[in-house]
Amino acid sequence: RLRALAADAGVRATATTRLIALAGAPVSIYLAATRLAPASQGYYFVAVNVIALAQLFEIGLGTIIVQFASHEWPRLRWGRNGGLEGELAARDAVNAVLLAAIRWYGVAALVLFAIAGVGGVLLYGRTAPESAIGFVVLWCGFVAMTAVYLTLIPFIAVAEGCGDLVGVQRMRSAQAAALLLALWVGIVTHGSLVAAWLGASAQLLVAVGWLLLRHRGLLRAPRTLPVDLMGSASGLPKRFRTEQLRSAQLWLALWLAPQLLTPIALKLAGGDAAGRLGVTLAIALAPLTLALAWLHGRYPSFGALVAEGRTVEFDVLARRATTEAGVVFVASAIGLTGVVLLLPFVAPSVAVRVLPLPYLFALFGGAFASLLLQAMAGWLRAFRDEGIAGPIVGGAAAVVLVSGVAAGIGGVRLMTVAFAAASLVIAVPMAFVHFVRVRRERMR
C-alpha cells in the first residue's frame, strides 16, 4: 500500500520538493533565532516572506497555466532544442497562453517591486540596522530578483503542463536546497538582508540555468507567435486572463485565511499568545503542504485526460488523488502529534510555545478543510474553470470573521476552535454546493 501511495513519479518528485522545504525550515528558524541580532530578526522574516511569495505564484497561481498547457499536450512533443513541436494549432494555443501569462506575471512583478521593494524601503529604511545606502541596495536587490523570477514562472508552468512535471520538480528540489543553503550561509556570515539577497539569487539562478539547459527553445516561443492567431487559439488569451484573475483570488483567499490568524491574535491577545499560535499553526499546516503534492503531482494528467475526452478516467484519478492526499495528511498529522508529545522531554523550551493538543487538533481540522477546498478546485481546474473562486473567497472571509470574533471573546484557544468550525461548517459546504452543481454539468 505504501508503494502504491508513492507509485506516481510526478507525485514522488513533488513530495520530495515539499519535504526538502519542510525539513529545512526548522534549521532556518533555529539559525535566525540564534545567529541574528534581535533587531535584525524581524527584517529577516519579512524578507523571507517576500521571497516565499514567488512560491505562492508558482505552485498556486501557476496551476492554471499548467491546465491550459496540458490541454494541448496530447498533440505536442518536445524537440531537441527544448521547444515544443507538433500540430500548429496546439503550438499556437500554448504560445498564446504563454504570452498572455508573461504579460500578466510581468505586471505582477512590477506591482511586487513597487509594494515590497519601494514600500519596504519607505517603511523600514529609517530604522534598519544597516546604512541607508546599504539597506536600499540589499532590500531592493532581493525584491527585484524575486520580481524577475515571477516572469519565469509562465515558462516553468508550461513545461510542467506539457509532460515535464518530473523535470520541473527536480529543478524545484534543487532550487529548494540551494535556497536553504544560501539563507543559512547568509545568516551565519553576514546577516539578515544578505541572507535574503543570497536566497533570492539562488532561487533565480537555478531556474534560469534549468530553462537554458532544458527548454531553451521554449524561451524563444513568444517571439515566434503569429500576429494573427489561428481561430482555434484566438480566444485563449482573454479566457486565460479571466481564469488567472479568478485563480489569484482563490489562492490568495486560501493562503490568507490561516495566515491572518496570528496578526489578529497579536492585536487582540498580545505577543505571547500570538507567538504560541504562530508556532502551533506552522506545525498544523505542515501536513497540508505535504499532502497537496498528491494533488499537484496529478494536475498535468488531469488536464490531458479532460482534453482527450476521458472524463470518467479523469474522475477516477481525481478521486484517488484526493483519497491519497487525505491519507498522507492524516498520517503526517499523527506523526507530528507524536513529535509534539515528545517535545517536553527533548526540547522543553520549544514545548511551552506550542498550544495544548486539543487546539493543535483544531488547527489540523482547519488545514484539512483547506485540503478539501483545494481538491474541489483542482477537479474543476482540469476543465480550465476557476468559477469556484467566488464561494471559496466568501468562505475564507467568513472563516476570518468568525475567528476574529472568537479571539475577542475567548482568546487564542477559542479562536482555534472557531477557525476549525468555520472552515468545516461554513467554507467547505459553500464550495461543495458549487462543486456538485458544476460537476454534474461536466460529467453529462
Protein backbone atom coordinates (compact mmCIF):
# COMPACT_ATOMS: atom_id res chain seq x y z
CA ARG A 1 0.00 0.00 0.00
CA LEU A 2 2.85 2.35 0.74
CA ARG A 3 4.37 1.58 -2.66
CA ALA A 4 1.02 2.32 -4.31
CA LEU A 5 0.77 5.61 -2.43
CA ALA A 6 4.04 6.79 -3.99
CA ALA A 7 3.81 4.91 -7.30
CA ASP A 8 3.35 8.03 -9.45
CA ALA A 9 6.70 9.55 -10.45
CA GLY A 10 5.26 13.05 -10.55
CA VAL A 11 3.87 12.72 -7.04
CA ARG A 12 7.20 11.40 -5.73
CA ALA A 13 9.08 14.30 -7.30
CA THR A 14 6.58 16.85 -5.99
CA ALA A 15 6.61 15.35 -2.49
CA THR A 16 10.42 15.40 -2.44
CA THR A 17 10.42 19.14 -3.11
CA ARG A 18 7.97 19.73 -0.27
CA LEU A 19 9.93 17.50 2.12
CA ILE A 20 13.17 19.40 1.47
CA ALA A 21 11.48 22.71 2.28
CA LEU A 22 9.76 21.31 5.38
CA ALA A 23 12.93 19.64 6.67
CA GLY A 24 14.98 22.79 6.24
CA ALA A 25 12.51 25.19 7.84
CA PRO A 26 13.37 24.31 11.49
CA VAL A 27 17.09 24.77 10.78
CA SER A 28 16.42 28.19 9.25
CA ILE A 29 14.32 29.24 12.24
CA TYR A 30 16.98 28.00 14.68
CA LEU A 31 19.82 29.81 12.91
CA ALA A 32 17.80 33.02 12.65
CA ALA A 33 16.93 32.86 16.36
CA THR A 34 20.49 32.14 17.49
CA ARG A 35 22.74 33.90 14.96
CA LEU A 36 20.85 37.08 14.11
CA ALA A 37 20.62 40.05 16.45
CA PRO A 38 17.12 40.58 17.84
CA ALA A 39 16.88 43.85 15.90
CA SER A 40 17.60 42.01 12.62
CA GLN A 41 15.29 39.04 13.05
CA GLY A 42 12.16 40.96 12.09
CA TYR A 43 13.74 42.12 8.83
CA TYR A 44 14.80 38.56 8.03
CA PHE A 45 11.35 37.05 8.48
CA VAL A 46 9.69 39.82 6.47
CA ALA A 47 12.25 39.34 3.70
CA VAL A 48 11.80 35.56 3.65
CA ASN A 49 8.03 36.02 3.38
CA VAL A 50 8.56 38.24 0.33
CA ILE A 51 10.74 35.57 -1.30
CA ALA A 52 8.13 32.93 -0.42
CA LEU A 53 5.52 34.88 -2.41
CA ALA A 54 7.20 33.52 -5.54
CA GLN A 55 6.26 30.01 -4.44
CA LEU A 56 2.64 31.08 -3.98
CA PHE A 57 2.65 32.47 -7.51
CA GLU A 58 4.33 29.35 -8.91
CA ILE A 59 2.69 26.35 -7.23
CA GLY A 60 -0.55 28.22 -6.61
CA LEU A 61 -1.45 30.70 -9.31
CA GLY A 62 0.72 28.88 -11.85
CA THR A 63 -1.52 25.81 -11.79
CA ILE A 64 -4.00 27.44 -14.17
CA ILE A 65 -1.17 27.82 -16.72
CA VAL A 66 -0.42 24.12 -16.22
CA GLN A 67 -4.03 23.24 -17.03
CA PHE A 68 -4.22 25.40 -20.15
CA ALA A 69 -0.95 23.90 -21.43
CA SER A 70 -1.87 20.31 -20.52
CA HIS A 71 -4.98 20.54 -22.72
CA GLU A 72 -2.72 20.97 -25.75
CA TRP A 73 0.00 18.50 -24.72
CA PRO A 74 -1.62 15.37 -26.28
CA ARG A 75 -0.94 16.93 -29.72
CA LEU A 76 2.61 18.08 -28.96
CA ARG A 77 6.09 16.76 -28.15
CA TRP A 78 9.42 18.22 -27.05
CA GLY A 79 12.02 18.86 -29.74
CA ARG A 80 15.78 18.60 -29.46
CA ASN A 81 16.19 22.32 -28.87
CA GLY A 82 13.87 22.22 -25.86
CA GLY A 83 10.95 23.74 -27.73
CA LEU A 84 7.52 22.36 -28.50
CA GLU A 85 6.82 20.56 -31.74
CA GLY A 86 3.64 19.06 -33.16
CA GLU A 87 0.34 20.36 -34.51
CA LEU A 88 0.47 24.03 -35.43
CA ALA A 89 -2.87 24.83 -33.78
CA ALA A 90 -1.71 23.31 -30.48
CA ARG A 91 1.61 25.17 -30.60
CA ASP A 92 -0.14 28.45 -31.33
CA ALA A 93 -2.55 27.82 -28.45
CA VAL A 94 0.31 27.21 -26.00
CA ASN A 95 2.20 30.24 -27.29
CA ALA A 96 -0.91 32.41 -26.93
CA VAL A 97 -1.35 31.34 -23.32
CA LEU A 98 2.37 31.74 -22.66
CA LEU A 99 2.43 35.29 -24.00
CA ALA A 100 -0.68 36.26 -22.02
CA ALA A 101 0.85 34.72 -18.89
CA ILE A 102 4.15 36.58 -19.38
CA ARG A 103 2.28 39.87 -19.58
CA TRP A 104 0.15 39.02 -16.52
CA TYR A 105 3.15 37.99 -14.44
CA GLY A 106 5.15 40.95 -15.71
CA VAL A 107 2.54 43.29 -14.27
CA ALA A 108 2.55 41.26 -11.04
CA ALA A 109 6.34 41.62 -10.88
CA LEU A 110 6.13 45.41 -11.20
CA VAL A 111 3.44 45.55 -8.52
CA LEU A 112 5.53 43.36 -6.21
CA PHE A 113 8.58 45.60 -6.63
CA ALA A 114 6.55 48.75 -6.06
CA ILE A 115 4.86 47.46 -2.92
CA ALA A 116 7.52 45.23 -1.34
CA GLY A 117 10.59 46.99 -2.73
CA VAL A 118 9.88 50.71 -2.73
CA GLY A 119 7.29 50.34 0.01
CA GLY A 120 9.71 48.33 2.15
CA VAL A 121 12.40 50.99 1.85
CA LEU A 122 9.97 53.73 2.87
CA LEU A 123 8.57 51.66 5.73
CA TYR A 124 11.74 50.14 7.19
CA GLY A 125 14.61 52.25 5.83
CA ARG A 126 14.83 54.70 8.74
CA THR A 127 15.00 52.03 11.44
CA ALA A 128 17.21 49.48 9.62
CA PRO A 129 20.46 48.49 11.35
CA GLU A 130 22.39 48.85 8.04
CA SER A 131 23.44 52.14 6.50
CA ALA A 132 20.80 53.88 4.37
CA ILE A 133 22.53 53.06 1.06
CA GLY A 134 23.33 49.51 2.13
CA PHE A 135 19.75 48.86 3.15
CA VAL A 136 18.32 50.22 -0.10
CA VAL A 137 20.72 48.15 -2.22
CA LEU A 138 20.17 44.91 -0.33
CA TRP A 139 16.42 45.29 0.14
CA CYS A 140 15.63 46.39 -3.40
CA GLY A 141 18.08 43.80 -4.69
CA PHE A 142 16.37 40.73 -3.27
CA VAL A 143 12.90 42.11 -4.08
CA ALA A 144 13.98 42.82 -7.67
CA MET A 145 15.34 39.29 -8.11
CA THR A 146 12.12 37.85 -6.72
CA ALA A 147 10.14 40.02 -9.14
CA VAL A 148 12.27 38.86 -12.08
CA TYR A 149 11.66 35.26 -11.02
CA LEU A 150 7.91 35.83 -11.39
CA THR A 151 8.42 36.42 -15.12
CA LEU A 152 9.98 32.94 -15.44
CA ILE A 153 7.01 31.17 -13.88
CA PRO A 154 4.97 31.01 -17.13
CA PHE A 155 7.79 29.09 -18.86
CA ILE A 156 8.16 26.68 -15.93
CA ALA A 157 4.39 26.13 -15.70
CA VAL A 158 4.10 25.44 -19.45
CA ALA A 159 6.92 22.90 -19.21
CA GLU A 160 5.13 21.26 -16.28
CA GLY A 161 1.83 21.13 -18.15
CA CYS A 162 3.49 19.75 -21.29
CA GLY A 163 4.79 16.48 -19.90
CA ASP A 164 7.89 17.62 -17.99
CA LEU A 165 6.43 17.54 -14.48
CA VAL A 166 9.25 15.33 -13.14
CA GLY A 167 11.92 17.59 -14.65
CA VAL A 168 10.27 20.69 -13.18
CA GLN A 169 10.01 19.11 -9.74
CA ARG A 170 13.63 18.02 -9.80
CA MET A 171 14.55 21.60 -10.59
CA ARG A 172 12.38 22.79 -7.71
CA SER A 173 14.05 20.30 -5.37
CA ALA A 174 17.48 21.64 -6.34
CA GLN A 175 16.09 25.15 -6.02
CA ALA A 176 14.70 24.48 -2.52
CA ALA A 177 18.03 23.04 -1.39
CA ALA A 178 20.00 25.93 -2.91
CA LEU A 179 17.66 28.48 -1.32
CA LEU A 180 18.04 26.92 2.12
CA LEU A 181 21.83 26.68 1.81
CA ALA A 182 22.06 30.30 0.65
CA LEU A 183 19.91 31.51 3.56
CA TRP A 184 21.98 29.55 6.08
CA VAL A 185 25.29 30.86 4.69
CA GLY A 186 23.96 34.41 4.69
CA ILE A 187 22.65 34.17 8.27
CA VAL A 188 25.90 32.75 9.63
CA THR A 189 28.32 35.01 7.74
CA HIS A 190 26.69 38.37 7.11
CA GLY A 191 23.20 38.89 8.48
CA SER A 192 19.52 39.08 7.62
CA LEU A 193 19.39 41.09 4.39
CA VAL A 194 22.47 39.45 2.88
CA ALA A 195 20.83 36.10 3.60
CA ALA A 196 17.69 37.26 1.78
CA TRP A 197 19.79 38.53 -1.14
CA LEU A 198 21.64 35.22 -1.43
CA GLY A 199 18.39 33.24 -1.14
CA ALA A 200 16.68 35.23 -3.89
CA SER A 201 19.79 34.88 -6.07
CA ALA A 202 19.85 31.11 -5.64
CA GLN A 203 16.15 30.81 -6.40
CA LEU A 204 16.52 32.82 -9.61
CA LEU A 205 19.79 31.32 -10.87
CA VAL A 206 18.68 27.70 -10.52
CA ALA A 207 15.53 28.40 -12.57
CA VAL A 208 17.41 30.37 -15.25
CA GLY A 209 20.07 27.68 -15.58
CA TRP A 210 17.48 24.91 -15.84
CA LEU A 211 15.47 26.71 -18.53
CA LEU A 212 18.59 27.45 -20.58
CA LEU A 213 19.80 23.86 -20.39
CA ARG A 214 16.49 22.06 -20.84
CA HIS A 215 14.00 24.37 -22.56
CA ARG A 216 15.98 26.96 -24.48
CA GLY A 217 13.55 26.62 -27.39
CA LEU A 218 10.59 27.41 -25.14
CA LEU A 219 12.22 30.71 -24.18
CA ARG A 220 12.07 31.76 -27.84
CA ALA A 221 8.45 30.69 -28.32
CA PRO A 222 6.70 34.03 -27.54
CA ARG A 223 8.83 35.83 -30.14
CA THR A 224 7.66 33.44 -32.87
CA LEU A 225 3.94 33.92 -32.11
CA PRO A 226 1.99 34.91 -35.26
CA VAL A 227 0.45 38.38 -35.27
CA ASP A 228 -2.94 36.92 -36.16
CA LEU A 229 -3.53 33.76 -34.19
CA MET A 230 -5.49 30.92 -35.70
CA GLY A 231 -9.20 30.91 -34.92
CA SER A 232 -8.89 27.98 -32.53
CA ALA A 233 -6.44 29.92 -30.37
CA SER A 234 -7.73 33.48 -30.69
CA GLY A 235 -9.98 33.34 -27.62
CA LEU A 236 -7.44 31.74 -25.30
CA PRO A 237 -5.57 34.84 -24.07
CA LYS A 238 -8.80 36.52 -22.94
CA ARG A 239 -10.09 33.35 -21.31
CA PHE A 240 -6.74 32.75 -19.65
CA ARG A 241 -6.66 36.25 -18.16
CA THR A 242 -10.18 35.76 -16.78
CA GLU A 243 -9.37 32.42 -15.19
CA GLN A 244 -5.96 33.63 -13.95
CA LEU A 245 -7.65 36.50 -12.10
CA ARG A 246 -10.10 34.07 -10.52
CA SER A 247 -7.23 31.75 -9.64
CA ALA A 248 -5.38 34.62 -7.96
CA GLN A 249 -8.42 35.39 -5.82
CA LEU A 250 -8.84 31.72 -4.93
CA TRP A 251 -5.23 31.11 -3.91
CA LEU A 252 -4.88 34.38 -2.02
CA ALA A 253 -8.03 33.54 -0.03
CA LEU A 254 -6.76 30.05 0.80
CA TRP A 255 -3.37 31.45 1.80
CA LEU A 256 -4.60 34.48 3.74
CA ALA A 257 -7.28 32.77 5.83
CA PRO A 258 -4.84 30.90 8.13
CA GLN A 259 -2.05 33.50 7.82
CA LEU A 260 -4.29 36.25 9.22
CA LEU A 261 -4.90 34.37 12.46
CA THR A 262 -1.57 35.34 14.00
CA PRO A 263 -1.81 39.10 13.22
CA ILE A 264 -5.37 39.14 14.59
CA ALA A 265 -4.20 37.34 17.73
CA LEU A 266 -1.31 39.79 18.08
CA LYS A 267 -3.76 42.69 18.03
CA LEU A 268 -6.36 41.18 20.36
CA ALA A 269 -4.41 38.86 22.67
CA GLY A 270 -0.83 40.17 22.74
CA GLY A 271 2.58 38.98 21.53
CA ASP A 272 2.97 35.91 23.74
CA ALA A 273 -0.37 34.37 22.75
CA ALA A 274 0.21 35.24 19.08
CA GLY A 275 3.65 33.64 19.21
CA ARG A 276 2.26 30.39 20.57
CA LEU A 277 -0.45 30.42 17.93
CA GLY A 278 2.13 31.08 15.21
CA VAL A 279 4.29 28.13 16.24
CA THR A 280 1.29 25.80 16.52
CA LEU A 281 -0.14 26.96 13.20
CA ALA A 282 3.18 26.25 11.47
CA ILE A 283 3.01 22.67 12.77
CA ALA A 284 -0.64 22.30 11.74
CA LEU A 285 -0.06 23.49 8.18
CA ALA A 286 2.89 21.16 7.51
CA PRO A 287 0.67 18.11 6.70
CA LEU A 288 -1.29 20.25 4.24
CA THR A 289 1.89 21.32 2.43
CA LEU A 290 2.97 17.70 2.01
CA ALA A 291 -0.48 16.26 1.19
CA LEU A 292 -1.03 18.74 -1.63
CA ALA A 293 1.81 17.04 -3.53
CA TRP A 294 -0.60 14.17 -4.21
CA LEU A 295 -2.92 16.61 -5.95
CA HIS A 296 -0.43 18.93 -7.65
CA GLY A 297 1.54 15.97 -8.98
CA ARG A 298 -1.52 14.89 -10.98
CA TYR A 299 -2.61 18.27 -12.40
CA PRO A 300 -0.96 17.81 -15.83
CA SER A 301 -2.58 14.36 -16.14
CA PHE A 302 -5.96 15.84 -15.17
CA GLY A 303 -5.87 18.38 -17.98
CA ALA A 304 -4.62 15.92 -20.59
CA LEU A 305 -7.35 13.38 -19.78
CA VAL A 306 -10.07 16.02 -19.98
CA ALA A 307 -8.69 17.32 -23.28
CA GLU A 308 -8.87 13.81 -24.72
CA GLY A 309 -12.47 13.38 -23.57
CA ARG A 310 -11.60 10.71 -20.99
CA THR A 311 -13.62 12.35 -18.24
CA VAL A 312 -14.56 9.11 -16.46
CA GLU A 313 -10.89 8.10 -16.22
CA PHE A 314 -10.06 11.61 -15.03
CA ASP A 315 -12.75 11.42 -12.34
CA VAL A 316 -11.36 8.12 -11.07
CA LEU A 317 -7.83 9.53 -10.94
CA ALA A 318 -9.03 12.69 -9.17
CA ARG A 319 -10.85 10.65 -6.54
CA ARG A 320 -7.77 8.53 -6.00
CA ALA A 321 -5.52 11.58 -5.72
CA THR A 322 -7.85 13.18 -3.16
CA THR A 323 -8.03 9.98 -1.11
CA GLU A 324 -4.25 9.59 -1.13
CA ALA A 325 -3.80 13.25 -0.16
CA GLY A 326 -6.19 12.70 2.76
CA VAL A 327 -4.26 9.61 3.90
CA VAL A 328 -0.95 11.49 3.74
CA PHE A 329 -2.46 14.40 5.68
CA VAL A 330 -3.77 12.17 8.48
CA ALA A 331 -0.53 10.17 8.69
CA SER A 332 1.55 13.35 8.82
CA ALA A 333 -0.72 14.85 11.48
CA ILE A 334 -0.37 11.72 13.61
CA GLY A 335 3.41 11.81 13.23
CA LEU A 336 3.61 15.48 14.19
CA THR A 337 1.36 14.85 17.18
CA GLY A 338 3.89 12.28 18.37
CA VAL A 339 6.68 14.80 17.94
CA VAL A 340 4.75 17.38 19.98
CA LEU A 341 4.21 14.81 22.74
CA LEU A 342 7.96 14.22 22.88
CA LEU A 343 8.91 17.90 22.98
CA PRO A 344 8.60 18.30 26.79
CA PHE A 345 11.29 15.63 27.20
CA VAL A 346 13.71 16.68 24.44
CA ALA A 347 13.06 20.41 23.97
CA PRO A 348 11.05 21.83 26.87
CA SER A 349 11.74 25.43 25.84
CA VAL A 350 10.02 24.73 22.49
CA ALA A 351 7.22 22.67 24.04
CA VAL A 352 5.96 25.59 26.11
CA ARG A 353 5.49 27.59 22.90
CA VAL A 354 3.02 25.06 21.45
CA LEU A 355 -0.67 25.23 22.34
CA PRO A 356 -2.20 22.15 24.06
CA LEU A 357 -3.15 19.22 21.85
CA PRO A 358 -6.90 19.96 21.58
CA TYR A 359 -6.12 23.29 19.93
CA LEU A 360 -3.46 21.75 17.68
CA PHE A 361 -6.13 19.26 16.57
CA ALA A 362 -8.50 22.15 15.87
CA LEU A 363 -5.91 23.76 13.61
CA PHE A 364 -5.39 20.39 11.92
CA GLY A 365 -9.13 20.41 11.22
CA GLY A 366 -8.94 23.82 9.58
CA ALA A 367 -5.98 22.71 7.48
CA PHE A 368 -7.86 19.57 6.39
CA ALA A 369 -10.76 21.78 5.27
CA SER A 370 -8.28 23.68 3.08
CA LEU A 371 -7.20 20.36 1.55
CA LEU A 372 -10.82 19.58 0.65
CA LEU A 373 -11.27 23.03 -0.87
CA GLN A 374 -8.15 22.64 -2.99
CA ALA A 375 -9.24 19.16 -4.11
CA MET A 376 -12.56 20.54 -5.36
CA ALA A 377 -10.85 23.49 -7.03
CA GLY A 378 -8.32 21.15 -8.66
CA TRP A 379 -11.10 18.95 -10.10
CA LEU A 380 -12.80 21.93 -11.73
CA ARG A 381 -9.47 23.45 -12.79
CA ALA A 382 -8.91 20.44 -15.06
CA PHE A 383 -11.67 21.97 -17.21
CA ARG A 384 -9.88 25.34 -17.04
CA ASP A 385 -12.68 26.61 -14.80
CA GLU A 386 -11.92 28.74 -11.71
CA GLY A 387 -15.54 29.66 -11.02
CA ILE A 388 -15.33 28.13 -7.56
CA ALA A 389 -13.17 31.12 -6.57
CA GLY A 390 -16.28 33.09 -5.53
CA PRO A 391 -17.54 30.55 -2.95
CA ILE A 392 -14.01 29.94 -1.66
CA VAL A 393 -13.31 33.66 -1.20
CA GLY A 394 -16.66 34.07 0.57
CA GLY A 395 -15.97 31.08 2.80
CA ALA A 396 -12.48 32.33 3.65
CA ALA A 397 -13.86 35.75 4.60
CA ALA A 398 -16.40 34.06 6.89
CA VAL A 399 -13.63 31.99 8.49
CA VAL A 400 -11.52 35.06 9.22
CA LEU A 401 -14.51 36.98 10.60
CA VAL A 402 -15.66 34.15 12.88
CA SER A 403 -12.10 33.52 14.08
CA GLY A 404 -11.56 37.20 14.86
CA VAL A 405 -14.81 37.45 16.85
CA ALA A 406 -13.88 34.30 18.78
CA ALA A 407 -10.43 35.71 19.59
CA GLY A 408 -12.01 38.85 21.00
CA ILE A 409 -14.38 36.80 23.17
CA GLY A 410 -12.24 33.91 24.37
CA GLY A 411 -8.67 34.47 23.25
CA VAL A 412 -6.42 32.34 21.08
CA ARG A 413 -7.75 28.97 22.23
CA LEU A 414 -11.33 29.76 21.30
CA MET A 415 -10.01 31.24 18.09
CA THR A 416 -8.52 27.90 17.00
CA VAL A 417 -11.82 26.10 17.66
CA ALA A 418 -13.75 28.76 15.74
CA PHE A 419 -11.27 28.52 12.85
CA ALA A 420 -11.83 24.77 12.53
CA ALA A 421 -15.60 25.01 12.92
CA ALA A 422 -15.99 27.83 10.41
CA SER A 423 -13.69 26.09 7.91
CA LEU A 424 -15.54 22.76 8.09
CA VAL A 425 -19.11 24.02 8.61
CA ILE A 426 -19.15 27.20 6.51
CA ALA A 427 -16.31 27.29 3.95
CA VAL A 428 -16.38 23.67 2.79
CA PRO A 429 -20.19 23.44 2.35
CA MET A 430 -20.25 26.76 0.45
CA ALA A 431 -17.70 25.46 -2.05
CA PHE A 432 -19.24 21.97 -2.14
CA VAL A 433 -22.62 23.27 -3.34
CA HIS A 434 -20.93 24.96 -6.29
CA PHE A 435 -18.71 21.95 -6.94
CA VAL A 436 -21.58 19.45 -7.07
CA ARG A 437 -23.60 21.61 -9.45
CA VAL A 438 -20.74 22.16 -11.90
CA ARG A 439 -19.55 18.57 -11.64
CA ARG A 440 -22.95 17.28 -12.72
CA GLU A 441 -22.81 19.51 -15.79
CA ARG A 442 -19.25 18.42 -16.67
CA MET A 443 -19.92 14.68 -16.27
CA ARG A 444 -23.01 14.56 -18.51
